Amino acid sequence: MTAQIINGKEIAAKKKLEIAEEVARLKTQGITPGLAVILVGRDHASQTYVNNKEKTCKELGMYSLLIEMDEKVSEEELLGKIDELNRDSAIHGILVQLPLPKHIDEKKVIETISPLKDVDGFHPINIGRMMTGQNAFLPCTPYGIMVLLEETGISIAGKNVVVVGRSNIVGKPVGQLFLNQHATVTYCHSRTKDLSLHTNQADILVAAVGIPNFIKAEHVKEGAVVIDVGINRNEAGKLCGDVAFDEVSEKAGFITPVPKGVGPMTITMLMYNTLKSAAESLDRD
């Protein structure tokens, strides 16, 4: 068996067209979705991510505001800037690029962002709403995974889902989203005994551990759907995921590649959340 590739780049492009149409419609009602991104310091990877977000905003007709702050900025000043953006009616989404310098409390920063503008979906209120199946901004990478499966026509209800990784950004929330759609979910992590025993039961396997080529063919059930969230560099410096793609793709039924898999969906769902926030602001006005 050779797995069918789930092309995240193509699905993201389709979703962006839909978002652009909705942005144009909102503009006829006098509102332009606006995203503010705060970048603290000069981390190269963060700078690249932020530039991509700014570019995508412009492509979709959204308003983009980039705020760059020195890495020595005080926590008080950063929180003050977030509070200012919370009160800015032209801004519908606020994103503080992580990681932050060690002298700044990441938890405090996330909790200062208004839940109504938390387009990253990290605020405890949005996490709580997600857990209880209420309207919420969903974390972008987990949300993107669910859209990939939906667009590929893969059903979730009743399936055994195994998530390898338990981060607050991907592992924990993606498991909850699967549970919300009536899957049976198992979390595996660094202390899980006999990983293959669990992963070989998975109809859908999500790899989010941040270790290059960690998931091998021996971990995968014949015909399973394999979602690779990892973005790593191997010993040769080549981009790769958490899944040993060549060997696993010979056993899986569906698989996401790295790159052009989950990655493009993350920024797409960020744009969707910003659009959603702008649309919901009309109802509050």
Protein backbone atom coordinates (compact mmCIF):
# COMPACT_ATOMS: atom_id res chain seq x y z
CA MET A 1 0.00 0.00 0.00
CA THR A 2 1.18 3.51 -0.80
CA ALA A 3 -0.51 6.24 1.22
CA GLN A 4 -2.57 9.00 -0.32
CA ILE A 5 -0.90 12.34 0.32
CA ILE A 6 -2.97 14.93 2.18
CA ASN A 7 -1.78 18.11 0.48
CA GLY A 8 -2.06 20.88 3.06
CA LYS A 9 -0.78 23.50 0.65
CA GLU A 10 -3.65 22.87 -1.78
CA ILE A 11 -6.30 22.73 0.94
CA ALA A 12 -4.94 25.91 2.53
CA ALA A 13 -5.10 27.69 -0.85
CA LYS A 14 -8.77 26.70 -1.20
CA LYS A 15 -9.57 27.93 2.30
CA LYS A 16 -7.77 31.22 1.69
CA LEU A 17 -9.97 31.90 -1.34
CA GLU A 18 -13.04 31.37 0.84
CA ILE A 19 -11.62 33.68 3.52
CA ALA A 20 -10.79 36.38 0.96
CA GLU A 21 -14.37 36.30 -0.30
CA GLU A 22 -15.70 36.76 3.24
CA VAL A 23 -13.22 39.58 3.91
CA ALA A 24 -14.48 41.37 0.79
CA ARG A 25 -18.07 40.90 1.97
CA LEU A 26 -17.28 42.31 5.41
CA LYS A 27 -15.65 45.34 3.82
CA THR A 28 -18.97 46.19 2.15
CA GLN A 29 -20.34 46.47 5.70
CA GLY A 30 -17.59 48.90 6.65
CA ILE A 31 -15.29 46.55 8.54
CA THR A 32 -11.81 45.31 7.60
CA PRO A 33 -10.52 42.39 9.67
CA GLY A 34 -7.36 43.51 11.45
CA LEU A 35 -4.57 41.40 12.93
CA ALA A 36 -1.90 42.82 15.24
CA VAL A 37 1.28 40.79 15.73
CA ILE A 38 3.78 41.65 18.46
CA LEU A 39 7.33 40.45 17.92
CA VAL A 40 9.74 40.71 20.84
CA GLY A 41 13.41 40.42 19.93
CA ARG A 42 15.10 39.30 16.72
CA ASP A 43 14.71 35.52 16.64
CA HIS A 44 15.19 34.52 13.00
CA ALA A 45 12.51 31.80 12.95
CA SER A 46 9.99 34.08 14.65
CA GLN A 47 10.78 36.86 12.19
CA THR A 48 10.10 34.49 9.29
CA TYR A 49 6.77 33.35 10.77
CA VAL A 50 5.70 36.94 11.38
CA ASN A 51 6.63 38.01 7.85
CA ASN A 52 4.52 35.16 6.44
CA LYS A 53 1.55 36.21 8.55
CA GLU A 54 1.86 39.80 7.41
CA LYS A 55 2.12 38.72 3.76
CA THR A 56 -0.94 36.46 4.05
CA CYS A 57 -2.99 39.22 5.67
CA LYS A 58 -2.30 41.50 2.72
CA GLU A 59 -3.08 38.75 0.20
CA LEU A 60 -6.50 38.25 1.79
CA GLY A 61 -7.30 41.95 2.03
CA MET A 62 -6.92 42.17 5.81
CA TYR A 63 -5.33 44.95 7.84
CA SER A 64 -1.99 43.91 9.32
CA LEU A 65 -0.18 45.70 12.14
CA LEU A 66 3.31 44.58 13.12
CA ILE A 67 4.69 45.84 16.44
CA GLU A 68 8.37 45.10 17.00
CA MET A 69 9.74 45.44 20.51
CA ASP A 70 13.27 45.15 21.86
CA GLU A 71 14.11 41.87 23.60
CA LYS A 72 14.84 43.88 26.76
CA VAL A 73 11.34 45.39 26.82
CA SER A 74 9.78 45.23 30.27
CA GLU A 75 6.86 42.93 30.96
CA GLU A 76 4.86 45.97 32.05
CA GLU A 77 5.39 47.73 28.73
CA LEU A 78 4.43 44.64 26.73
CA LEU A 79 1.26 44.10 28.76
CA GLY A 80 0.43 47.78 28.32
CA LYS A 81 0.72 47.45 24.53
CA ILE A 82 -1.59 44.41 24.58
CA ASP A 83 -4.12 46.35 26.66
CA GLU A 84 -3.97 49.17 24.13
CA LEU A 85 -4.70 46.74 21.30
CA ASN A 86 -7.56 45.19 23.29
CA ARG A 87 -9.23 48.61 23.16
CA ASP A 88 -8.44 49.31 19.47
CA SER A 89 -11.60 48.77 17.38
CA ALA A 90 -9.53 48.37 14.18
CA ILE A 91 -7.83 45.28 15.63
CA HIS A 92 -9.81 42.01 15.78
CA GLY A 93 -6.97 39.61 16.45
CA ILE A 94 -3.89 39.90 18.68
CA LEU A 95 -0.98 37.52 18.43
CA VAL A 96 2.18 37.68 20.53
CA GLN A 97 4.86 35.63 18.78
CA LEU A 98 6.35 32.95 21.01
CA PRO A 99 8.82 32.21 22.48
CA LEU A 100 9.32 35.29 24.65
CA PRO A 101 12.45 36.37 26.56
CA LYS A 102 12.81 34.60 29.91
CA HIS A 103 12.08 37.71 31.99
CA ILE A 104 8.53 37.88 30.58
CA ASP A 105 5.79 35.63 31.97
CA GLU A 106 4.27 33.91 28.91
CA LYS A 107 1.18 32.85 30.88
CA LYS A 108 0.52 36.43 31.98
CA VAL A 109 0.89 37.68 28.39
CA ILE A 110 -1.61 35.14 27.05
CA GLU A 111 -4.12 35.93 29.78
CA THR A 112 -3.86 39.69 29.12
CA ILE A 113 -5.07 39.28 25.53
CA SER A 114 -8.85 39.73 25.37
CA PRO A 115 -10.57 36.35 24.80
CA LEU A 116 -12.55 38.17 22.07
CA LYS A 117 -9.29 38.85 20.19
CA ASP A 118 -7.37 35.70 21.13
CA VAL A 119 -7.05 34.37 17.57
CA ASP A 120 -4.28 31.96 18.62
CA GLY A 121 -6.84 30.20 20.81
CA PHE A 122 -4.51 30.02 23.82
CA HIS A 123 -6.48 32.03 26.41
CA PRO A 124 -7.85 29.85 29.26
CA ILE A 125 -11.37 31.07 28.52
CA ASN A 126 -11.17 29.89 24.90
CA ILE A 127 -9.56 26.62 26.00
CA GLY A 128 -12.39 26.12 28.48
CA ARG A 129 -15.01 26.86 25.85
CA MET A 130 -13.35 24.41 23.48
CA MET A 131 -13.33 21.73 26.21
CA THR A 132 -17.07 22.16 26.75
CA GLY A 133 -17.97 22.37 23.06
CA GLN A 134 -18.91 26.06 23.10
CA ASN A 135 -18.18 28.74 20.51
CA ALA A 136 -14.47 29.56 20.83
CA PHE A 137 -11.35 30.51 18.94
CA LEU A 138 -9.66 27.17 18.37
CA PRO A 139 -5.85 26.79 18.44
CA CYS A 140 -4.71 27.16 14.85
CA THR A 141 -2.63 24.03 14.27
CA PRO A 142 -5.16 21.60 15.85
CA TYR A 143 -7.97 23.38 14.01
CA GLY A 144 -6.02 23.08 10.77
CA ILE A 145 -5.65 19.33 11.31
CA MET A 146 -9.41 18.93 11.67
CA VAL A 147 -10.01 20.91 8.48
CA LEU A 148 -7.47 18.77 6.59
CA LEU A 149 -9.38 15.64 7.56
CA GLU A 150 -12.75 17.19 6.76
CA GLU A 151 -11.60 18.36 3.33
CA THR A 152 -10.09 14.94 2.60
CA GLY A 153 -13.39 13.25 3.48
CA ILE A 154 -12.01 11.31 6.44
CA SER A 155 -14.66 10.58 9.06
CA ILE A 156 -13.78 10.89 12.74
CA ALA A 157 -16.75 9.65 14.77
CA GLY A 158 -16.07 6.28 16.35
CA LYS A 159 -12.43 6.18 15.25
CA ASN A 160 -9.50 5.34 17.53
CA VAL A 161 -7.22 8.38 17.63
CA VAL A 162 -3.76 8.32 19.18
CA VAL A 163 -1.95 11.60 19.81
CA VAL A 164 1.78 11.30 20.44
CA GLY A 165 2.71 14.48 22.32
CA ARG A 166 0.92 16.48 25.00
CA SER A 167 1.88 20.12 24.45
CA ASN A 168 -0.60 22.87 25.28
CA ILE A 169 -0.28 24.20 21.72
CA VAL A 170 -0.96 21.00 19.73
CA GLY A 171 -1.17 17.70 21.59
CA LYS A 172 -3.74 18.44 24.28
CA PRO A 173 -6.11 20.60 22.20
CA VAL A 174 -6.10 18.37 19.11
CA GLY A 175 -7.09 15.42 21.26
CA GLN A 176 -9.99 17.43 22.65
CA LEU A 177 -11.14 18.42 19.17
CA PHE A 178 -11.20 14.75 18.17
CA LEU A 179 -13.12 13.93 21.34
CA ASN A 180 -15.62 16.68 20.51
CA GLN A 181 -16.23 14.86 17.22
CA HIS A 182 -16.89 11.54 18.97
CA ALA A 183 -13.54 9.82 18.53
CA THR A 184 -11.95 7.63 21.20
CA VAL A 185 -8.71 9.39 22.10
CA THR A 186 -5.47 8.12 23.64
CA TYR A 187 -2.58 10.43 24.56
CA CYS A 188 0.97 9.09 24.48
CA HIS A 189 4.09 10.88 25.70
CA SER A 190 7.65 10.45 26.95
CA ARG A 191 6.58 8.23 29.85
CA THR A 192 4.26 5.98 27.88
CA LYS A 193 5.29 2.34 28.14
CA ASP A 194 5.32 0.28 24.93
CA LEU A 195 4.39 3.07 22.53
CA SER A 196 3.72 0.69 19.63
CA LEU A 197 1.05 -1.12 21.64
CA HIS A 198 -1.00 2.08 21.60
CA THR A 199 -0.12 3.54 18.21
CA ASN A 200 -0.89 0.28 16.41
CA GLN A 201 -4.49 0.63 17.55
CA ALA A 202 -4.83 4.05 15.90
CA ASP A 203 -7.13 4.63 12.96
CA ILE A 204 -5.79 8.20 13.07
CA LEU A 205 -2.29 8.82 14.43
CA VAL A 206 -1.11 12.37 15.20
CA ALA A 207 2.65 12.82 15.72
CA ALA A 208 3.54 15.99 17.62
CA VAL A 209 6.72 15.24 19.58
CA GLY A 210 9.33 17.43 17.89
CA ILE A 211 11.76 14.54 17.26
CA PRO A 212 12.89 13.91 13.67
CA ASN A 213 11.57 10.66 12.14
CA PHE A 214 10.39 9.41 15.54
CA ILE A 215 7.37 7.49 14.24
CA LYS A 216 8.43 4.44 12.22
CA ALA A 217 6.44 1.90 10.20
CA GLU A 218 6.39 -0.38 13.26
CA HIS A 219 4.27 2.21 15.09
CA VAL A 220 1.58 2.41 12.41
CA LYS A 221 -1.44 0.21 11.71
CA GLU A 222 -1.96 -0.83 8.10
CA GLY A 223 -4.14 1.76 6.35
CA ALA A 224 -4.07 4.32 9.19
CA VAL A 225 -4.30 8.08 8.71
CA VAL A 226 -1.01 9.64 9.80
CA ILE A 227 -0.83 13.36 10.62
CA ASP A 228 2.71 14.71 11.01
CA VAL A 229 2.89 17.96 12.96
CA GLY A 230 6.68 18.00 13.34
CA ILE A 231 8.97 20.56 11.71
CA ASN A 232 12.56 19.48 12.27
CA ARG A 233 15.97 19.38 10.61
CA ASN A 234 17.67 16.03 10.19
CA GLU A 235 21.42 15.45 10.50
CA ALA A 236 21.89 16.59 6.90
CA GLY A 237 20.03 19.82 7.65
CA LYS A 238 17.02 18.81 5.54
CA LEU A 239 13.50 19.70 6.68
CA CYS A 240 11.61 16.68 8.01
CA GLY A 241 8.74 15.77 10.29
CA ASP A 242 8.23 13.54 13.30
CA VAL A 243 7.31 10.67 10.97
CA ALA A 244 9.77 8.60 8.91
CA PHE A 245 7.86 9.47 5.77
CA ASP A 246 9.36 7.01 3.27
CA GLU A 247 8.72 3.89 5.31
CA VAL A 248 5.43 4.97 6.92
CA SER A 249 3.91 6.08 3.58
CA GLU A 250 4.23 2.47 2.40
CA LYS A 251 1.97 1.30 5.23
CA ALA A 252 -0.44 4.18 5.96
CA GLY A 253 -3.66 4.89 4.05
CA PHE A 254 -3.28 8.68 4.23
CA ILE A 255 -0.32 10.82 5.30
CA THR A 256 0.62 14.48 5.56
CA PRO A 257 4.05 15.40 4.17
CA VAL A 258 6.57 17.83 5.63
CA PRO A 259 6.59 20.46 4.26
CA LYS A 260 3.21 21.17 2.55
CA GLY A 261 1.19 19.24 5.10
CA VAL A 262 -0.05 20.65 8.39
CA GLY A 263 2.15 23.79 8.28
CA PRO A 264 0.19 25.80 5.66
CA MET A 265 -3.03 25.19 7.58
CA THR A 266 -1.79 26.87 10.76
CA ILE A 267 -1.52 30.34 9.26
CA THR A 268 -4.73 29.79 7.27
CA MET A 269 -6.73 29.09 10.43
CA LEU A 270 -5.16 32.13 12.08
CA MET A 271 -6.62 34.20 9.24
CA TYR A 272 -9.95 32.41 9.63
CA ASN A 273 -10.03 33.18 13.36
CA THR A 274 -9.30 36.85 12.66
CA LEU A 275 -12.12 36.93 10.13
CA LYS A 276 -14.43 35.24 12.65
CA SER A 277 -13.51 37.81 15.30
CA ALA A 278 -14.27 40.69 12.92
CA ALA A 279 -17.62 39.19 11.95
CA GLU A 280 -18.57 38.63 15.59
CA SER A 281 -17.63 42.22 16.45
CA LEU A 282 -20.46 43.37 14.16
CA ASP A 283 -22.94 41.52 16.36
CA ARG A 284 -21.56 43.23 19.48
CA ASP A 285 -21.70 46.75 18.04
